[in-house]
Amino acid sequence: MQWYRERSETAAERFWDALIRARKQAAELPKIGTPYFEGTRVVPFRKFPYGLVYVERSDKIIGLAICHFSRRPRYWKRRLS
């Protein structure tokens, strides 16, 4: 978000809105995310090359990362433990 804010406050706000939308979608409909890597799912952000990576547990959704789809796309995989 900081990177976008340095370039445009509007872009930063849109990025934030995309994150909130993805979080809401994952919370309300956990199966909406695309199966991604080792049992995780991802909800892509509209108009940004990022997505919210999460895992579904029986009683909760755990957000693991906001990942860029081109840069270090699986840097967060150690968080699965």
PDB file of N, CA and C in Angstrom:
ATOM      1  N   MET A   1       0.826  -1.182   0.000  1.00  0.00           N
ATOM      2  CA  MET A   1       0.000   0.000   0.000  1.00  0.00           C
ATOM      3  C   MET A   1       0.871   1.246   0.000  1.00  0.00           C
ATOM      4  N   GLN A   2       1.969   1.171   0.722  1.00  0.00           N
ATOM      5  CA  GLN A   2       2.878   2.320   0.785  1.00  0.00           C
ATOM      6  C   GLN A   2       3.391   2.696  -0.609  1.00  0.00           C
ATOM      7  N   TRP A   3       3.713   1.676  -1.404  1.00  0.00           N
ATOM      8  CA  TRP A   3       4.216   1.924  -2.751  1.00  0.00           C
ATOM      9  C   TRP A   3       3.179   2.704  -3.561  1.00  0.00           C
ATOM     10  N   TYR A   4       1.913   2.296  -3.459  1.00  0.00           N
ATOM     11  CA  TYR A   4       0.848   3.004  -4.174  1.00  0.00           C
ATOM     12  C   TYR A   4       0.647   4.406  -3.602  1.00  0.00           C
ATOM     13  N   ARG A   5       0.713   4.533  -2.294  1.00  0.00           N
ATOM     14  CA  ARG A   5       0.510   5.845  -1.663  1.00  0.00           C
ATOM     15  C   ARG A   5       1.569   6.850  -2.113  1.00  0.00           C
ATOM     16  N   GLU A   6       2.801   6.382  -2.305  1.00  0.00           N
ATOM     17  CA  GLU A   6       3.873   7.268  -2.760  1.00  0.00           C
ATOM     18  C   GLU A   6       3.620   7.792  -4.167  1.00  0.00           C
ATOM     19  N   ARG A   7       2.802   7.084  -4.912  1.00  0.00           N
ATOM     20  CA  ARG A   7       2.519   7.494  -6.287  1.00  0.00           C
ATOM     21  C   ARG A   7       1.171   8.187  -6.432  1.00  0.00           C
ATOM     22  N   SER A   8       0.198   7.726  -5.633  1.00  0.00           N
ATOM     23  CA  SER A   8      -1.144   8.286  -5.762  1.00  0.00           C
ATOM     24  C   SER A   8      -1.997   7.881  -4.563  1.00  0.00           C
ATOM     25  N   GLU A   9      -2.544   8.859  -3.887  1.00  0.00           N
ATOM     26  CA  GLU A   9      -3.432   8.567  -2.760  1.00  0.00           C
ATOM     27  C   GLU A   9      -4.670   7.809  -3.242  1.00  0.00           C
ATOM     28  N   THR A  10      -5.150   8.144  -4.425  1.00  0.00           N
ATOM     29  CA  THR A  10      -6.317   7.459  -4.991  1.00  0.00           C
ATOM     30  C   THR A  10      -6.008   5.983  -5.234  1.00  0.00           C
ATOM     31  N   ALA A  11      -4.842   5.698  -5.801  1.00  0.00           N
ATOM     32  CA  ALA A  11      -4.457   4.305  -6.040  1.00  0.00           C
ATOM     33  C   ALA A  11      -4.341   3.543  -4.726  1.00  0.00           C
ATOM     34  N   ALA A  12      -3.792   4.178  -3.702  1.00  0.00           N
ATOM     35  CA  ALA A  12      -3.665   3.541  -2.390  1.00  0.00           C
ATOM     36  C   ALA A  12      -5.043   3.218  -1.815  1.00  0.00           C
ATOM     37  N   GLU A  13      -5.974   4.128  -1.963  1.00  0.00           N
ATOM     38  CA  GLU A  13      -7.332   3.888  -1.467  1.00  0.00           C
ATOM     39  C   GLU A  13      -8.002   2.754  -2.231  1.00  0.00           C
ATOM     40  N   ARG A  14      -7.781   2.693  -3.517  1.00  0.00           N
ATOM     41  CA  ARG A  14      -8.361   1.609  -4.323  1.00  0.00           C
ATOM     42  C   ARG A  14      -7.757   0.257  -3.947  1.00  0.00           C
ATOM     43  N   PHE A  15      -6.445   0.265  -3.671  1.00  0.00           N
ATOM     44  CA  PHE A  15      -5.782  -0.956  -3.230  1.00  0.00           C
ATOM     45  C   PHE A  15      -6.392  -1.423  -1.902  1.00  0.00           C
ATOM     46  N   TRP A  16      -6.556  -0.485  -0.973  1.00  0.00           N
ATOM     47  CA  TRP A  16      -7.150  -0.813   0.323  1.00  0.00           C
ATOM     48  C   TRP A  16      -8.563  -1.375   0.149  1.00  0.00           C
ATOM     49  N   ASP A  17      -9.344  -0.738  -0.705  1.00  0.00           N
ATOM     50  CA  ASP A  17     -10.707  -1.215  -0.972  1.00  0.00           C
ATOM     51  C   ASP A  17     -10.699  -2.628  -1.550  1.00  0.00           C
ATOM     52  N   ALA A  18      -9.734  -2.909  -2.439  1.00  0.00           N
ATOM     53  CA  ALA A  18      -9.624  -4.246  -3.035  1.00  0.00           C
ATOM     54  C   ALA A  18      -9.287  -5.281  -1.960  1.00  0.00           C
ATOM     55  N   LEU A  19      -8.432  -4.909  -1.013  1.00  0.00           N
ATOM     56  CA  LEU A  19      -8.095  -5.806   0.089  1.00  0.00           C
ATOM     57  C   LEU A  19      -9.317  -6.088   0.955  1.00  0.00           C
ATOM     58  N   ILE A  20     -10.040  -5.049   1.322  1.00  0.00           N
ATOM     59  CA  ILE A  20     -11.227  -5.211   2.157  1.00  0.00           C
ATOM     60  C   ILE A  20     -12.264  -6.079   1.444  1.00  0.00           C
ATOM     61  N   ARG A  21     -12.442  -5.870   0.157  1.00  0.00           N
ATOM     62  CA  ARG A  21     -13.402  -6.660  -0.630  1.00  0.00           C
ATOM     63  C   ARG A  21     -12.991  -8.134  -0.648  1.00  0.00           C
ATOM     64  N   ALA A  22     -11.704  -8.407  -0.860  1.00  0.00           N
ATOM     65  CA  ALA A  22     -11.214  -9.784  -0.892  1.00  0.00           C
ATOM     66  C   ALA A  22     -11.390 -10.444   0.475  1.00  0.00           C
ATOM     67  N   ARG A  23     -11.092  -9.699   1.524  1.00  0.00           N
ATOM     68  CA  ARG A  23     -11.239 -10.227   2.888  1.00  0.00           C
ATOM     69  C   ARG A  23     -12.702 -10.580   3.189  1.00  0.00           C
ATOM     70  N   LYS A  24     -13.588  -9.708   2.782  1.00  0.00           N
ATOM     71  CA  LYS A  24     -15.015  -9.941   3.004  1.00  0.00           C
ATOM     72  C   LYS A  24     -15.488 -11.168   2.228  1.00  0.00           C
ATOM     73  N   GLN A  25     -15.050 -11.281   0.982  1.00  0.00           N
ATOM     74  CA  GLN A  25     -15.433 -12.431   0.168  1.00  0.00           C
ATOM     75  C   GLN A  25     -14.945 -13.734   0.804  1.00  0.00           C
ATOM     76  N   ALA A  26     -13.698 -13.756   1.248  1.00  0.00           N
ATOM     77  CA  ALA A  26     -13.135 -14.963   1.859  1.00  0.00           C
ATOM     78  C   ALA A  26     -13.867 -15.318   3.150  1.00  0.00           C
ATOM     79  N   ALA A  27     -14.233 -14.315   3.926  1.00  0.00           N
ATOM     80  CA  ALA A  27     -14.926 -14.570   5.193  1.00  0.00           C
ATOM     81  C   ALA A  27     -16.349 -15.079   4.976  1.00  0.00           C
ATOM     82  N   GLU A  28     -17.039 -14.494   4.011  1.00  0.00           N
ATOM     83  CA  GLU A  28     -18.436 -14.855   3.784  1.00  0.00           C
ATOM     84  C   GLU A  28     -18.604 -16.136   2.974  1.00  0.00           C
ATOM     85  N   LEU A  29     -17.718 -16.346   2.020  1.00  0.00           N
ATOM     86  CA  LEU A  29     -17.791 -17.518   1.144  1.00  0.00           C
ATOM     87  C   LEU A  29     -16.392 -18.122   1.004  1.00  0.00           C
ATOM     88  N   PRO A  30     -15.929 -18.871   1.989  1.00  0.00           N
ATOM     89  CA  PRO A  30     -14.544 -19.362   1.976  1.00  0.00           C
ATOM     90  C   PRO A  30     -14.151 -20.142   0.722  1.00  0.00           C
ATOM     91  N   LYS A  31     -15.098 -20.809   0.114  1.00  0.00           N
ATOM     92  CA  LYS A  31     -14.772 -21.598  -1.089  1.00  0.00           C
ATOM     93  C   LYS A  31     -14.658 -20.742  -2.345  1.00  0.00           C
ATOM     94  N   ILE A  32     -14.902 -19.443  -2.234  1.00  0.00           N
ATOM     95  CA  ILE A  32     -14.842 -18.571  -3.412  1.00  0.00           C
ATOM     96  C   ILE A  32     -13.424 -18.421  -3.948  1.00  0.00           C
ATOM     97  N   GLY A  33     -12.448 -18.535  -3.062  1.00  0.00           N
ATOM     98  CA  GLY A  33     -11.062 -18.393  -3.490  1.00  0.00           C
ATOM     99  C   GLY A  33     -10.628 -19.546  -4.377  1.00  0.00           C
ATOM    100  N   THR A  34      -9.756 -19.253  -5.298  1.00  0.00           N
ATOM    101  CA  THR A  34      -9.206 -20.267  -6.188  1.00  0.00           C
ATOM    102  C   THR A  34      -8.195 -21.115  -5.430  1.00  0.00           C
ATOM    103  N   PRO A  35      -8.276 -22.449  -5.524  1.00  0.00           N
ATOM    104  CA  PRO A  35      -7.242 -23.269  -4.899  1.00  0.00           C
ATOM    105  C   PRO A  35      -5.873 -22.815  -5.412  1.00  0.00           C
ATOM    106  N   TYR A  36      -4.921 -22.683  -4.487  1.00  0.00           N
ATOM    107  CA  TYR A  36      -3.671 -22.041  -4.859  1.00  0.00           C
ATOM    108  C   TYR A  36      -2.452 -22.916  -4.613  1.00  0.00           C
ATOM    109  N   PHE A  37      -2.059 -23.138  -3.384  1.00  0.00           N
ATOM    110  CA  PHE A  37      -0.817 -23.831  -3.102  1.00  0.00           C
ATOM    111  C   PHE A  37      -0.931 -24.532  -1.752  1.00  0.00           C
ATOM    112  N   GLU A  38      -0.728 -25.851  -1.745  1.00  0.00           N
ATOM    113  CA  GLU A  38      -0.733 -26.648  -0.520  1.00  0.00           C
ATOM    114  C   GLU A  38      -1.931 -26.368   0.399  1.00  0.00           C
ATOM    115  N   GLY A  39      -3.126 -26.431  -0.162  1.00  0.00           N
ATOM    116  CA  GLY A  39      -4.339 -26.272   0.645  1.00  0.00           C
ATOM    117  C   GLY A  39      -4.783 -24.839   0.874  1.00  0.00           C
ATOM    118  N   THR A  40      -4.085 -23.894   0.298  1.00  0.00           N
ATOM    119  CA  THR A  40      -4.497 -22.500   0.441  1.00  0.00           C
ATOM    120  C   THR A  40      -5.441 -22.123  -0.685  1.00  0.00           C
ATOM    121  N   ARG A  41      -6.048 -20.978  -0.524  1.00  0.00           N
ATOM    122  CA  ARG A  41      -6.886 -20.386  -1.561  1.00  0.00           C
ATOM    123  C   ARG A  41      -6.457 -18.937  -1.725  1.00  0.00           C
ATOM    124  N   VAL A  42      -6.803 -18.366  -2.863  1.00  0.00           N
ATOM    125  CA  VAL A  42      -6.463 -16.967  -3.110  1.00  0.00           C
ATOM    126  C   VAL A  42      -7.647 -16.263  -3.752  1.00  0.00           C
ATOM    127  N   VAL A  43      -7.899 -15.046  -3.266  1.00  0.00           N
ATOM    128  CA  VAL A  43      -8.894 -14.170  -3.875  1.00  0.00           C
ATOM    129  C   VAL A  43      -8.112 -13.029  -4.525  1.00  0.00           C
ATOM    130  N   PRO A  44      -8.104 -12.948  -5.844  1.00  0.00           N
ATOM    131  CA  PRO A  44      -7.368 -11.883  -6.514  1.00  0.00           C
ATOM    132  C   PRO A  44      -8.021 -10.520  -6.297  1.00  0.00           C
ATOM    133  N   PHE A  45      -7.196  -9.496  -6.245  1.00  0.00           N
ATOM    134  CA  PHE A  45      -7.694  -8.121  -6.147  1.00  0.00           C
ATOM    135  C   PHE A  45      -8.076  -7.664  -7.548  1.00  0.00           C
ATOM    136  N   ARG A  46      -9.192  -6.991  -7.649  1.00  0.00           N
ATOM    137  CA  ARG A  46      -9.573  -6.429  -8.945  1.00  0.00           C
ATOM    138  C   ARG A  46      -8.655  -5.263  -9.276  1.00  0.00           C
ATOM    139  N   LYS A  47      -8.137  -5.280 -10.481  1.00  0.00           N
ATOM    140  CA  LYS A  47      -7.309  -4.209 -11.039  1.00  0.00           C
ATOM    141  C   LYS A  47      -5.938  -4.068 -10.396  1.00  0.00           C
ATOM    142  N   PHE A  48      -5.505  -5.061  -9.640  1.00  0.00           N
ATOM    143  CA  PHE A  48      -4.165  -5.058  -9.050  1.00  0.00           C
ATOM    144  C   PHE A  48      -3.576  -6.460  -9.198  1.00  0.00           C
ATOM    145  N   PRO A  49      -2.248  -6.562  -9.335  1.00  0.00           N
ATOM    146  CA  PRO A  49      -1.630  -7.884  -9.498  1.00  0.00           C
ATOM    147  C   PRO A  49      -1.364  -8.582  -8.155  1.00  0.00           C
ATOM    148  N   TYR A  50      -2.296  -8.462  -7.228  1.00  0.00           N
ATOM    149  CA  TYR A  50      -2.165  -9.025  -5.886  1.00  0.00           C
ATOM    150  C   TYR A  50      -3.374  -9.882  -5.557  1.00  0.00           C
ATOM    151  N   GLY A  51      -3.201 -10.695  -4.534  1.00  0.00           N
ATOM    152  CA  GLY A  51      -4.310 -11.490  -4.044  1.00  0.00           C
ATOM    153  C   GLY A  51      -4.155 -11.770  -2.566  1.00  0.00           C
ATOM    154  N   LEU A  52      -5.262 -12.071  -1.920  1.00  0.00           N
ATOM    155  CA  LEU A  52      -5.273 -12.452  -0.515  1.00  0.00           C
ATOM    156  C   LEU A  52      -5.195 -13.969  -0.444  1.00  0.00           C
ATOM    157  N   VAL A  53      -4.127 -14.468   0.176  1.00  0.00           N
ATOM    158  CA  VAL A  53      -3.932 -15.903   0.348  1.00  0.00           C
ATOM    159  C   VAL A  53      -4.417 -16.274   1.746  1.00  0.00           C
ATOM    160  N   TYR A  54      -5.216 -17.329   1.824  1.00  0.00           N
ATOM    161  CA  TYR A  54      -5.765 -17.738   3.112  1.00  0.00           C
ATOM    162  C   TYR A  54      -5.961 -19.242   3.159  1.00  0.00           C
ATOM    163  N   VAL A  55      -6.162 -19.749   4.366  1.00  0.00           N
ATOM    164  CA  VAL A  55      -6.546 -21.146   4.558  1.00  0.00           C
ATOM    165  C   VAL A  55      -7.852 -21.167   5.332  1.00  0.00           C
ATOM    166  N   GLU A  56      -8.634 -22.150   5.036  1.00  0.00           N
ATOM    167  CA  GLU A  56      -9.914 -22.327   5.726  1.00  0.00           C
ATOM    168  C   GLU A  56      -9.736 -23.411   6.782  1.00  0.00           C
ATOM    169  N   ARG A  57     -10.074 -23.095   7.996  1.00  0.00           N
ATOM    170  CA  ARG A  57     -10.085 -24.060   9.097  1.00  0.00           C
ATOM    171  C   ARG A  57     -11.538 -24.299   9.480  1.00  0.00           C
ATOM    172  N   SER A  58     -11.804 -25.287  10.284  1.00  0.00           N
ATOM    173  CA  SER A  58     -13.189 -25.624  10.621  1.00  0.00           C
ATOM    174  C   SER A  58     -13.922 -24.471  11.291  1.00  0.00           C
ATOM    175  N   ASP A  59     -13.207 -23.654  12.048  1.00  0.00           N
ATOM    176  CA  ASP A  59     -13.864 -22.585  12.801  1.00  0.00           C
ATOM    177  C   ASP A  59     -13.440 -21.172  12.412  1.00  0.00           C
ATOM    178  N   LYS A  60     -12.520 -21.049  11.433  1.00  0.00           N
ATOM    179  CA  LYS A  60     -12.059 -19.705  11.067  1.00  0.00           C
ATOM    180  C   LYS A  60     -11.328 -19.697   9.731  1.00  0.00           C
ATOM    181  N   ILE A  61     -11.141 -18.502   9.235  1.00  0.00           N
ATOM    182  CA  ILE A  61     -10.347 -18.252   8.034  1.00  0.00           C
ATOM    183  C   ILE A  61      -9.073 -17.567   8.507  1.00  0.00           C
ATOM    184  N   ILE A  62      -7.933 -18.054   8.048  1.00  0.00           N
ATOM    185  CA  ILE A  62      -6.652 -17.462   8.442  1.00  0.00           C
ATOM    186  C   ILE A  62      -6.000 -16.846   7.223  1.00  0.00           C
ATOM    187  N   GLY A  63      -5.845 -15.528   7.236  1.00  0.00           N
ATOM    188  CA  GLY A  63      -5.140 -14.835   6.171  1.00  0.00           C
ATOM    189  C   GLY A  63      -3.650 -15.053   6.333  1.00  0.00           C
ATOM    190  N   LEU A  64      -2.985 -15.448   5.259  1.00  0.00           N
ATOM    191  CA  LEU A  64      -1.556 -15.717   5.313  1.00  0.00           C
ATOM    192  C   LEU A  64      -0.726 -14.615   4.685  1.00  0.00           C
ATOM    193  N   ALA A  65      -1.241 -14.031   3.609  1.00  0.00           N
ATOM    194  CA  ALA A  65      -0.416 -13.050   2.899  1.00  0.00           C
ATOM    195  C   ALA A  65      -1.245 -12.263   1.899  1.00  0.00           C
ATOM    196  N   ILE A  66      -0.721 -11.122   1.580  1.00  0.00           N
ATOM    197  CA  ILE A  66      -1.146 -10.369   0.406  1.00  0.00           C
ATOM    198  C   ILE A  66       0.010 -10.554  -0.552  1.00  0.00           C
ATOM    199  N   CYS A  67      -0.213 -11.366  -1.568  1.00  0.00           N
ATOM    200  CA  CYS A  67       0.917 -11.710  -2.435  1.00  0.00           C
ATOM    201  C   CYS A  67       0.797 -11.035  -3.800  1.00  0.00           C
ATOM    202  N   HIS A  68       1.954 -10.688  -4.318  1.00  0.00           N
ATOM    203  CA  HIS A  68       2.064 -10.198  -5.690  1.00  0.00           C
ATOM    204  C   HIS A  68       2.195 -11.438  -6.558  1.00  0.00           C
ATOM    205  N   PHE A  69       1.455 -11.505  -7.646  1.00  0.00           N
ATOM    206  CA  PHE A  69       1.438 -12.708  -8.451  1.00  0.00           C
ATOM    207  C   PHE A  69       2.691 -12.911  -9.299  1.00  0.00           C
ATOM    208  N   SER A  70       3.517 -11.892  -9.451  1.00  0.00           N
ATOM    209  CA  SER A  70       4.733 -12.045 -10.252  1.00  0.00           C
ATOM    210  C   SER A  70       6.002 -12.014  -9.422  1.00  0.00           C
ATOM    211  N   ARG A  71       6.004 -11.272  -8.345  1.00  0.00           N
ATOM    212  CA  ARG A  71       7.210 -11.111  -7.535  1.00  0.00           C
ATOM    213  C   ARG A  71       7.148 -12.002  -6.311  1.00  0.00           C
ATOM    214  N   ARG A  72       8.085 -12.914  -6.202  1.00  0.00           N
ATOM    215  CA  ARG A  72       8.147 -13.814  -5.046  1.00  0.00           C
ATOM    216  C   ARG A  72       6.771 -14.352  -4.684  1.00  0.00           C
ATOM    217  N   PRO A  73       6.074 -14.992  -5.592  1.00  0.00           N
ATOM    218  CA  PRO A  73       4.686 -15.371  -5.357  1.00  0.00           C
ATOM    219  C   PRO A  73       4.451 -16.325  -4.185  1.00  0.00           C
ATOM    220  N   ARG A  74       5.453 -17.061  -3.750  1.00  0.00           N
ATOM    221  CA  ARG A  74       5.233 -17.995  -2.634  1.00  0.00           C
ATOM    222  C   ARG A  74       6.139 -17.704  -1.445  1.00  0.00           C
ATOM    223  N   TYR A  75       6.528 -16.459  -1.258  1.00  0.00           N
ATOM    224  CA  TYR A  75       7.401 -16.101  -0.143  1.00  0.00           C
ATOM    225  C   TYR A  75       6.774 -16.444   1.205  1.00  0.00           C
ATOM    226  N   TRP A  76       5.491 -16.519   1.269  1.00  0.00           N
ATOM    227  CA  TRP A  76       4.730 -16.704   2.499  1.00  0.00           C
ATOM    228  C   TRP A  76       4.554 -18.167   2.892  1.00  0.00           C
ATOM    229  N   LYS A  77       5.003 -19.129   2.077  1.00  0.00           N
ATOM    230  CA  LYS A  77       4.653 -20.536   2.307  1.00  0.00           C
ATOM    231  C   LYS A  77       5.130 -21.065   3.659  1.00  0.00           C
ATOM    232  N   ARG A  78       6.152 -20.482   4.252  1.00  0.00           N
ATOM    233  CA  ARG A  78       6.596 -20.930   5.577  1.00  0.00           C
ATOM    234  C   ARG A  78       5.534 -20.643   6.653  1.00  0.00           C
ATOM    235  N   ARG A  79       4.590 -19.772   6.354  1.00  0.00           N
ATOM    236  CA  ARG A  79       3.522 -19.447   7.304  1.00  0.00           C
ATOM    237  C   ARG A  79       2.482 -20.560   7.427  1.00  0.00           C
ATOM    238  N   LEU A  80       2.568 -21.569   6.592  1.00  0.00           N
ATOM    239  CA  LEU A  80       1.620 -22.679   6.636  1.00  0.00           C
ATOM    240  C   LEU A  80       1.809 -23.543   7.881  1.00  0.00           C
ATOM    241  N   SER A  81       2.964 -23.489   8.503  1.00  0.00           N
ATOM    242  CA  SER A  81       3.238 -24.320   9.689  1.00  0.00           C
ATOM    243  C   SER A  81       2.456 -23.868  10.889  1.00  0.00           C
TER     244      SER A  81
END
